Amino acid sequence: MTAIPLASHQKVQRRTLGVLSAVQIVSGVGIAVGSALSSLMVYELSGSEAISGLAGTATVTGAALMALPAARAADGGGRRAGLTLAHGVAFLGCVAAAASIQLGSWPLLLLALVMVGTGSAGNLSARYAATDLAPPGRTARHLSLVVWAATIGSVAGPNLAHPADALGVDLGLAPAAGPFALSAVAFALSLLIVNGGLRPDPLLLARQGREVAAARRRQPLREAVATVKATPAARTGLLTIAAGHTAMVSVMSMTPVHLDHGHAGIAVIGMVLSLHIAGMFMFSPLVGWAADRLGRAVVATAGMGVLVAAGLLAAFGGHDVPVITAGLVLLGLGWSCSLVAGSAMLTEAVDLERRPAVQGLSDLTMNVCGAVGALLAGAIVGTLSYPVLGLITAALSGLTGVVIRRRSHLASA
């Protein structure tokens, strides 16, 4: 790559943020449309609440499986290579999901949802791409801007599920196959934006500017684990990200089924999910500003407190749509706090040459925890109840907040 003066990095960073934001908007539609009715569709095909919980497990598993391959691709070829791999597999997964619904097979749909979930790995890694050229003291804000950009696509996505379903039926597709067809189009467009716009590549440019040795560009998983173990701030950041994601996925994955049991229609479920996703992304710039100004640990702890409130509303809200909606909005906001603050904490704790591997490890960890959480959520709701799931989520989030606060006090002592 031709050398670019360090003085021009600011201009490249502005372009990078614009491209990444566009990718987040488009791919956000793909993720949200594809996931909006996934658990409900698996439930209708299988007739089992426990199996319906596997829909969330499948998508999060796909994100987990893609975390390290995408990180390796970015480590060797730049952020563009990592995003292309993740969104390319997601595109194929959306096509496979539509086909599995046509065939009426829930096992095939679950396998397709694993592939669809890789799109989330791409969107998650995009936030780290925003930090490669970020100036000191603004890591959280730049990261949060890219997270915020997903608001448009992610909020619009669930509301597009019903029109896409109707259009798909008119075109001869089976019910619920239309949304996945729309998702496939969205991921195809995101691939075009990534490969056409993310030039120069921010990670490769940052390494060039800091003269990172090529021999250190590929970090094995073992070294990433060792780096996190040896870095207290990285450990706290990883805990924050994983705990927040687990809480969010567990409750969110079972809410459509819970609302369906309360006789809420698809349009209502789509509206609730849209507001939940708004809570996830809409306030992220404010969260990023607070994390840069007040400290990462302060925002991370506050995020866990918000997740406690969300769990309690889920526990005591019954089938009251406004109460469940308020809980889901808080669930999204708590996730935003944990993701932005934790990601900034993790990124700044390690050297540039180690970041892709450590960031990949963090996404792997958070998605494995999320997949386990979704799996257990389905079992908890199937054997106990949705309110019990809310209480467990509140208790674990509160415990995590205490741990984060204690670690921050020890670090500052």
Protein backbone atom coordinates (compact mmCIF):
# COMPACT_ATOMS: atom_id res chain seq x y z
CA MET A 1 0.00 0.00 0.00
CA THR A 2 1.33 3.44 -0.91
CA ALA A 3 2.50 5.40 2.11
CA ILE A 4 0.05 8.04 3.32
CA PRO A 5 1.30 10.91 5.52
CA LEU A 6 0.15 10.72 9.13
CA ALA A 7 -1.36 14.21 8.76
CA SER A 8 -3.93 12.82 6.34
CA HIS A 9 -5.13 10.12 8.74
CA GLN A 10 -7.85 12.39 10.09
CA LYS A 11 -9.35 12.76 6.63
CA VAL A 12 -9.15 9.02 6.05
CA GLN A 13 -10.79 8.43 9.43
CA ARG A 14 -13.75 10.64 8.49
CA ARG A 15 -14.18 8.67 5.29
CA THR A 16 -13.84 5.39 7.17
CA LEU A 17 -16.52 6.38 9.66
CA GLY A 18 -18.84 7.31 6.79
CA VAL A 19 -18.32 4.01 4.97
CA LEU A 20 -18.67 1.96 8.14
CA SER A 21 -21.84 3.84 9.03
CA ALA A 22 -23.34 3.08 5.61
CA VAL A 23 -22.43 -0.58 6.02
CA GLN A 24 -24.04 -0.66 9.46
CA ILE A 25 -27.27 0.81 8.12
CA VAL A 26 -27.60 -1.64 5.24
CA SER A 27 -26.40 -4.76 7.02
CA GLY A 28 -28.47 -3.73 10.05
CA VAL A 29 -31.56 -4.17 7.88
CA GLY A 30 -30.33 -7.61 6.88
CA ILE A 31 -29.75 -8.70 10.45
CA ALA A 32 -32.94 -7.23 11.90
CA VAL A 33 -35.28 -8.44 9.17
CA GLY A 34 -33.80 -11.93 9.28
CA SER A 35 -33.92 -12.23 13.07
CA ALA A 36 -37.23 -10.47 13.75
CA LEU A 37 -39.38 -13.56 13.33
CA SER A 38 -36.77 -16.32 13.52
CA SER A 39 -37.73 -17.68 16.95
CA LEU A 40 -41.44 -17.45 16.11
CA MET A 41 -40.87 -19.20 12.79
CA VAL A 42 -38.93 -22.02 14.44
CA TYR A 43 -41.73 -22.31 17.00
CA GLU A 44 -44.38 -22.59 14.29
CA LEU A 45 -42.39 -25.21 12.39
CA SER A 46 -41.42 -27.24 15.46
CA GLY A 47 -44.30 -26.57 17.87
CA SER A 48 -41.84 -26.37 20.78
CA GLU A 49 -40.91 -23.40 22.98
CA ALA A 50 -37.61 -25.00 23.94
CA ILE A 51 -36.69 -25.52 20.29
CA SER A 52 -37.76 -21.95 19.45
CA GLY A 53 -35.06 -20.76 21.84
CA LEU A 54 -32.54 -22.44 19.56
CA ALA A 55 -33.19 -19.75 16.94
CA GLY A 56 -31.38 -17.18 19.07
CA THR A 57 -28.75 -19.76 19.94
CA ALA A 58 -28.17 -20.50 16.25
CA THR A 59 -27.64 -16.88 15.21
CA VAL A 60 -25.39 -16.11 18.15
CA THR A 61 -23.46 -19.32 17.51
CA GLY A 62 -22.91 -18.19 13.94
CA ALA A 63 -21.54 -14.88 15.20
CA ALA A 64 -19.28 -16.74 17.61
CA LEU A 65 -17.96 -19.12 14.96
CA MET A 66 -17.18 -16.20 12.65
CA ALA A 67 -15.46 -14.02 15.28
CA LEU A 68 -12.00 -15.55 15.01
CA PRO A 69 -12.00 -16.21 11.23
CA ALA A 70 -13.06 -12.60 10.63
CA ALA A 71 -10.35 -11.40 13.02
CA ARG A 72 -7.74 -13.52 11.26
CA ALA A 73 -8.86 -12.21 7.89
CA ALA A 74 -8.59 -8.63 9.18
CA ASP A 75 -5.21 -9.35 10.76
CA GLY A 76 -3.81 -10.54 7.45
CA GLY A 77 -5.69 -8.47 4.89
CA GLY A 78 -7.22 -5.55 6.77
CA ARG A 79 -10.70 -4.73 8.02
CA ARG A 80 -12.13 -4.97 4.51
CA ALA A 81 -11.23 -8.66 4.30
CA GLY A 82 -12.82 -9.45 7.65
CA LEU A 83 -16.09 -7.68 6.85
CA THR A 84 -16.29 -9.29 3.42
CA LEU A 85 -15.95 -12.77 4.89
CA ALA A 86 -18.62 -12.24 7.56
CA HIS A 87 -21.22 -10.58 5.34
CA GLY A 88 -20.60 -12.97 2.46
CA VAL A 89 -21.46 -15.99 4.60
CA ALA A 90 -24.49 -14.15 6.00
CA PHE A 91 -25.74 -13.55 2.45
CA LEU A 92 -25.57 -17.28 1.73
CA GLY A 93 -27.30 -17.98 5.04
CA CYS A 94 -30.26 -15.74 4.17
CA VAL A 95 -30.73 -17.58 0.88
CA ALA A 96 -30.56 -20.92 2.72
CA ALA A 97 -33.06 -19.72 5.36
CA ALA A 98 -35.62 -18.76 2.73
CA ALA A 99 -35.17 -22.17 1.10
CA SER A 100 -35.56 -24.04 4.40
CA ILE A 101 -38.84 -22.26 5.11
CA GLN A 102 -40.05 -23.21 1.65
CA LEU A 103 -39.27 -26.82 2.59
CA GLY A 104 -40.89 -26.48 6.01
CA SER A 105 -37.83 -27.81 7.84
CA TRP A 106 -36.91 -26.28 11.20
CA PRO A 107 -33.59 -28.20 11.46
CA LEU A 108 -32.47 -26.74 8.14
CA LEU A 109 -33.69 -23.31 9.23
CA LEU A 110 -31.56 -23.53 12.38
CA LEU A 111 -28.50 -24.41 10.30
CA ALA A 112 -29.20 -21.47 8.00
CA LEU A 113 -29.59 -19.15 11.00
CA VAL A 114 -26.07 -20.09 12.07
CA MET A 115 -24.85 -18.67 8.77
CA VAL A 116 -27.12 -15.62 9.07
CA GLY A 117 -25.57 -14.95 12.47
CA THR A 118 -22.18 -14.32 10.88
CA GLY A 119 -23.55 -10.98 9.74
CA SER A 120 -23.67 -9.91 13.39
CA ALA A 121 -19.98 -10.80 13.70
CA GLY A 122 -19.31 -8.44 10.80
CA ASN A 123 -21.28 -5.62 12.37
CA LEU A 124 -19.58 -6.13 15.70
CA SER A 125 -16.13 -6.06 14.13
CA ALA A 126 -17.03 -2.85 12.29
CA ARG A 127 -17.02 -1.00 15.63
CA TYR A 128 -13.39 -1.97 16.11
CA ALA A 129 -12.53 -0.78 12.61
CA ALA A 130 -13.64 2.68 13.77
CA THR A 131 -10.92 2.71 16.44
CA ASP A 132 -7.87 2.00 14.26
CA LEU A 133 -7.31 5.66 13.34
CA ALA A 134 -9.20 7.27 16.23
CA PRO A 135 -7.24 10.04 18.01
CA PRO A 136 -6.35 9.53 21.69
CA GLY A 137 -9.23 10.15 24.08
CA ARG A 138 -11.91 9.66 21.43
CA THR A 139 -11.91 5.90 21.00
CA ALA A 140 -15.31 5.40 22.64
CA ARG A 141 -16.93 8.25 20.71
CA HIS A 142 -15.73 7.08 17.31
CA LEU A 143 -16.69 3.52 18.14
CA SER A 144 -20.12 4.64 19.31
CA LEU A 145 -20.80 6.57 16.11
CA VAL A 146 -20.55 3.38 14.08
CA VAL A 147 -22.71 1.55 16.61
CA TRP A 148 -25.26 4.38 16.37
CA ALA A 149 -25.41 4.13 12.58
CA ALA A 150 -26.95 0.69 12.93
CA THR A 151 -30.02 2.37 14.46
CA ILE A 152 -31.59 3.20 11.11
CA GLY A 153 -31.36 -0.24 9.58
CA SER A 154 -31.93 -2.16 12.77
CA VAL A 155 -35.02 -0.20 13.82
CA ALA A 156 -36.50 -0.26 10.34
CA GLY A 157 -35.71 -3.95 9.87
CA PRO A 158 -38.36 -5.56 12.09
CA ASN A 159 -41.03 -3.24 10.65
CA LEU A 160 -40.03 -4.33 7.16
CA ALA A 161 -40.59 -7.98 8.05
CA HIS A 162 -44.36 -7.84 7.53
CA PRO A 163 -44.27 -6.01 4.14
CA ALA A 164 -41.44 -8.29 2.99
CA ASP A 165 -43.49 -11.31 4.05
CA ALA A 166 -46.52 -10.09 2.10
CA LEU A 167 -44.40 -9.32 -0.97
CA GLY A 168 -42.74 -12.72 -0.74
CA VAL A 169 -46.13 -14.46 -0.67
CA ASP A 170 -47.22 -12.45 -3.72
CA LEU A 171 -44.06 -13.65 -5.48
CA GLY A 172 -44.82 -17.27 -4.65
CA LEU A 173 -42.63 -17.69 -1.56
CA ALA A 174 -43.80 -19.43 1.59
CA PRO A 175 -44.90 -17.23 4.53
CA ALA A 176 -41.87 -15.79 6.42
CA ALA A 177 -39.50 -16.57 3.52
CA GLY A 178 -39.83 -13.04 2.14
CA PRO A 179 -37.99 -11.35 5.05
CA PHE A 180 -34.95 -13.57 4.53
CA ALA A 181 -34.95 -12.78 0.82
CA LEU A 182 -34.85 -9.08 1.70
CA SER A 183 -32.01 -9.78 4.13
CA ALA A 184 -30.03 -11.42 1.34
CA VAL A 185 -30.38 -8.29 -0.79
CA ALA A 186 -29.22 -6.12 2.12
CA PHE A 187 -26.08 -8.18 2.72
CA ALA A 188 -25.26 -8.17 -0.99
CA LEU A 189 -25.40 -4.38 -0.95
CA SER A 190 -23.22 -4.19 2.16
CA LEU A 191 -20.57 -6.25 0.38
CA LEU A 192 -20.49 -3.73 -2.45
CA ILE A 193 -20.13 -0.80 -0.01
CA VAL A 194 -17.32 -2.46 1.95
CA ASN A 195 -15.24 -3.41 -1.05
CA GLY A 196 -15.83 -0.18 -2.92
CA GLY A 197 -15.58 2.32 -0.10
CA LEU A 198 -13.22 1.07 2.59
CA ARG A 199 -10.08 2.20 0.82
CA PRO A 200 -7.50 2.73 2.19
CA ASP A 201 -8.01 0.07 4.82
CA PRO A 202 -7.90 1.70 8.30
CA LEU A 203 -6.08 -1.14 10.07
CA LEU A 204 -3.37 -1.44 7.41
CA LEU A 205 -2.95 2.33 7.36
CA ALA A 206 -2.68 2.53 11.16
CA ARG A 207 -0.04 -0.18 11.16
CA GLN A 208 1.88 1.55 8.42
CA GLY A 209 1.86 4.82 10.36
CA ARG A 210 3.13 3.15 13.52
CA GLU A 211 5.56 0.86 11.72
CA VAL A 212 4.13 -2.36 13.14
CA ALA A 213 6.28 -5.28 12.07
CA ALA A 214 4.68 -7.61 9.57
CA ALA A 215 5.82 -10.64 11.57
CA ARG A 216 3.57 -9.60 14.43
CA ARG A 217 0.42 -9.14 12.38
CA ARG A 218 -0.90 -12.63 12.97
CA GLN A 219 -1.57 -13.43 16.62
CA PRO A 220 -2.74 -16.95 17.52
CA LEU A 221 -5.64 -17.48 19.89
CA ARG A 222 -3.28 -18.62 22.62
CA GLU A 223 -1.42 -15.32 22.57
CA ALA A 224 -4.69 -13.39 22.62
CA VAL A 225 -5.80 -15.32 25.70
CA ALA A 226 -2.42 -14.72 27.36
CA THR A 227 -2.63 -11.00 26.56
CA VAL A 228 -6.07 -10.69 28.17
CA LYS A 229 -4.99 -12.68 31.22
CA ALA A 230 -2.01 -10.39 31.71
CA THR A 231 -4.01 -7.17 31.29
CA PRO A 232 -6.53 -6.33 34.05
CA ALA A 233 -8.32 -3.64 32.01
CA ALA A 234 -8.72 -6.07 29.12
CA ARG A 235 -10.21 -8.67 31.46
CA THR A 236 -12.71 -6.18 32.82
CA GLY A 237 -13.61 -5.01 29.33
CA LEU A 238 -14.17 -8.60 28.20
CA LEU A 239 -16.36 -9.34 31.23
CA THR A 240 -18.43 -6.21 30.58
CA ILE A 241 -19.03 -7.05 26.92
CA ALA A 242 -19.87 -10.71 27.54
CA ALA A 243 -22.20 -10.12 30.48
CA GLY A 244 -24.15 -7.37 28.74
CA HIS A 245 -24.56 -9.40 25.56
CA THR A 246 -25.65 -12.51 27.44
CA ALA A 247 -28.36 -10.60 29.30
CA MET A 248 -29.62 -8.92 26.15
CA VAL A 249 -29.74 -12.04 23.97
CA SER A 250 -31.35 -14.20 26.66
CA VAL A 251 -34.34 -11.94 27.25
CA MET A 252 -34.70 -10.63 23.70
CA SER A 253 -34.68 -14.10 22.10
CA MET A 254 -37.71 -15.26 24.11
CA THR A 255 -39.74 -12.05 24.08
CA PRO A 256 -41.46 -12.69 20.69
CA VAL A 257 -42.72 -16.07 21.94
CA HIS A 258 -43.83 -14.51 25.25
CA LEU A 259 -45.74 -11.76 23.43
CA ASP A 260 -47.26 -14.31 21.04
CA HIS A 261 -48.62 -16.21 24.03
CA GLY A 262 -50.22 -12.94 25.11
CA HIS A 263 -51.93 -12.82 21.69
CA ALA A 264 -49.84 -9.97 20.32
CA GLY A 265 -49.73 -9.89 16.52
CA ILE A 266 -46.71 -9.80 14.23
CA ALA A 267 -47.02 -6.04 13.80
CA VAL A 268 -46.95 -5.48 17.58
CA ILE A 269 -44.01 -7.84 18.03
CA GLY A 270 -42.16 -6.02 15.26
CA MET A 271 -42.83 -2.66 16.93
CA VAL A 272 -41.53 -3.91 20.30
CA LEU A 273 -38.37 -5.29 18.71
CA SER A 274 -37.84 -2.05 16.81
CA LEU A 275 -37.98 -0.03 20.02
CA HIS A 276 -35.64 -2.52 21.68
CA ILE A 277 -33.13 -2.11 18.87
CA ALA A 278 -33.52 1.67 19.12
CA GLY A 279 -32.49 1.35 22.75
CA MET A 280 -29.46 -0.66 21.66
CA PHE A 281 -28.15 1.85 19.15
CA MET A 282 -29.86 5.24 19.32
CA PHE A 283 -28.14 6.53 22.46
CA SER A 284 -24.69 5.12 21.69
CA PRO A 285 -23.10 8.54 20.86
CA LEU A 286 -24.15 9.78 24.30
CA VAL A 287 -22.82 6.57 25.83
CA GLY A 288 -19.53 7.01 23.97
CA TRP A 289 -19.22 10.62 25.13
CA ALA A 290 -19.89 9.57 28.71
CA ALA A 291 -17.36 6.74 28.50
CA ASP A 292 -14.66 9.15 27.27
CA ARG A 293 -15.51 11.86 29.82
CA LEU A 294 -16.61 9.94 32.92
CA GLY A 295 -14.64 6.76 32.48
CA ARG A 296 -15.28 3.34 30.98
CA ALA A 297 -15.88 1.62 34.34
CA VAL A 298 -18.52 4.18 35.38
CA VAL A 299 -20.54 3.65 32.21
CA ALA A 300 -20.09 -0.12 32.33
CA THR A 301 -21.39 -0.26 35.91
CA ALA A 302 -24.33 1.99 35.03
CA GLY A 303 -25.12 -0.32 32.11
CA MET A 304 -25.40 -3.29 34.45
CA GLY A 305 -27.79 -1.28 36.62
CA VAL A 306 -29.98 -0.60 33.59
CA LEU A 307 -29.98 -4.32 32.76
CA VAL A 308 -31.16 -5.05 36.30
CA ALA A 309 -34.14 -2.73 35.74
CA ALA A 310 -34.86 -4.38 32.39
CA GLY A 311 -34.89 -7.84 33.95
CA LEU A 312 -37.27 -6.73 36.68
CA LEU A 313 -39.71 -5.24 34.16
CA ALA A 314 -39.64 -8.51 32.21
CA ALA A 315 -40.24 -10.41 35.43
CA PHE A 316 -43.22 -8.39 36.61
CA GLY A 317 -44.66 -7.04 33.37
CA GLY A 318 -46.87 -10.00 32.54
CA HIS A 319 -48.14 -9.70 28.97
CA ASP A 320 -48.60 -5.93 29.23
CA VAL A 321 -47.12 -4.69 25.96
CA PRO A 322 -46.14 -1.18 27.17
CA VAL A 323 -44.32 -2.61 30.23
CA ILE A 324 -42.54 -5.29 28.20
CA THR A 325 -41.62 -2.64 25.64
CA ALA A 326 -40.12 -0.41 28.34
CA GLY A 327 -38.13 -3.39 29.59
CA LEU A 328 -36.85 -4.16 26.12
CA VAL A 329 -35.79 -0.54 25.55
CA LEU A 330 -33.84 -0.59 28.82
CA LEU A 331 -32.39 -3.96 27.85
CA GLY A 332 -31.05 -2.37 24.68
CA LEU A 333 -29.67 0.67 26.51
CA GLY A 334 -27.87 -1.50 29.06
CA TRP A 335 -26.36 -3.51 26.23
CA SER A 336 -25.16 -0.30 24.56
CA CYS A 337 -23.41 0.84 27.72
CA SER A 338 -21.68 -2.49 28.20
CA LEU A 339 -20.65 -2.81 24.54
CA VAL A 340 -19.30 0.72 24.04
CA ALA A 341 -17.55 1.05 27.40
CA GLY A 342 -16.24 -2.52 27.38
CA SER A 343 -14.98 -2.34 23.79
CA ALA A 344 -13.16 0.94 24.41
CA MET A 345 -11.64 -0.46 27.59
CA LEU A 346 -10.47 -3.61 25.81
CA THR A 347 -9.09 -1.82 22.74
CA GLU A 348 -7.05 0.74 24.64
CA ALA A 349 -5.62 -1.90 26.98
CA VAL A 350 -3.65 -3.75 24.27
CA ASP A 351 -1.09 -2.80 21.61
CA LEU A 352 -2.17 -2.16 18.02
CA GLU A 353 -0.53 -5.30 16.65
CA ARG A 354 -2.39 -7.49 19.15
CA ARG A 355 -5.77 -5.84 18.79
CA PRO A 356 -7.38 -7.87 15.98
CA ALA A 357 -6.74 -11.18 17.76
CA VAL A 358 -7.85 -9.86 21.15
CA GLN A 359 -10.90 -8.20 19.60
CA GLY A 360 -11.75 -11.46 17.86
CA LEU A 361 -11.42 -13.28 21.19
CA SER A 362 -13.79 -10.78 22.80
CA ASP A 363 -16.42 -11.26 20.10
CA LEU A 364 -16.01 -15.04 20.31
CA THR A 365 -16.48 -14.93 24.07
CA MET A 366 -19.48 -12.62 24.01
CA ASN A 367 -21.25 -14.65 21.35
CA VAL A 368 -20.55 -18.00 22.99
CA CYS A 369 -21.97 -16.57 26.22
CA GLY A 370 -24.92 -15.19 24.27
CA ALA A 371 -25.55 -18.54 22.58
CA VAL A 372 -25.50 -20.35 25.92
CA GLY A 373 -27.75 -17.66 27.36
CA ALA A 374 -30.29 -18.05 24.57
CA LEU A 375 -30.23 -21.82 24.91
CA LEU A 376 -30.79 -21.64 28.66
CA ALA A 377 -33.44 -18.95 28.18
CA GLY A 378 -35.49 -21.30 26.01
CA ALA A 379 -35.19 -24.04 28.61
CA ILE A 380 -36.05 -21.67 31.48
CA VAL A 381 -39.14 -20.29 29.74
CA GLY A 382 -40.20 -23.76 28.60
CA THR A 383 -39.89 -25.36 32.04
CA LEU A 384 -40.45 -22.39 34.37
CA SER A 385 -41.57 -19.06 32.89
CA TYR A 386 -40.55 -15.81 31.21
CA PRO A 387 -40.75 -13.89 34.52
CA VAL A 388 -38.22 -16.30 36.06
CA LEU A 389 -35.89 -15.57 33.14
CA GLY A 390 -36.23 -11.85 33.92
CA LEU A 391 -35.36 -12.37 37.59
CA ILE A 392 -32.28 -14.46 36.78
CA THR A 393 -31.10 -11.84 34.28
CA ALA A 394 -31.53 -9.05 36.84
CA ALA A 395 -29.61 -10.97 39.51
CA LEU A 396 -26.65 -11.86 37.26
CA SER A 397 -26.43 -8.32 35.86
CA GLY A 398 -26.38 -6.86 39.35
CA LEU A 399 -23.61 -9.23 40.41
CA THR A 400 -21.55 -8.31 37.34
CA GLY A 401 -21.95 -4.61 38.12
CA VAL A 402 -20.56 -5.18 41.60
CA VAL A 403 -17.54 -7.03 40.17
CA ILE A 404 -16.81 -4.28 37.63
CA ARG A 405 -17.07 -1.59 40.27
CA ARG A 406 -14.78 -3.46 42.64
CA ARG A 407 -12.17 -4.04 39.93
CA SER A 408 -12.21 -0.36 38.96
CA HIS A 409 -11.62 0.65 42.57
CA LEU A 410 -8.72 -1.79 42.88
CA ALA A 411 -7.18 -0.49 39.63
CA SER A 412 -7.38 3.14 40.79
CA ALA A 413 -6.09 2.40 44.30
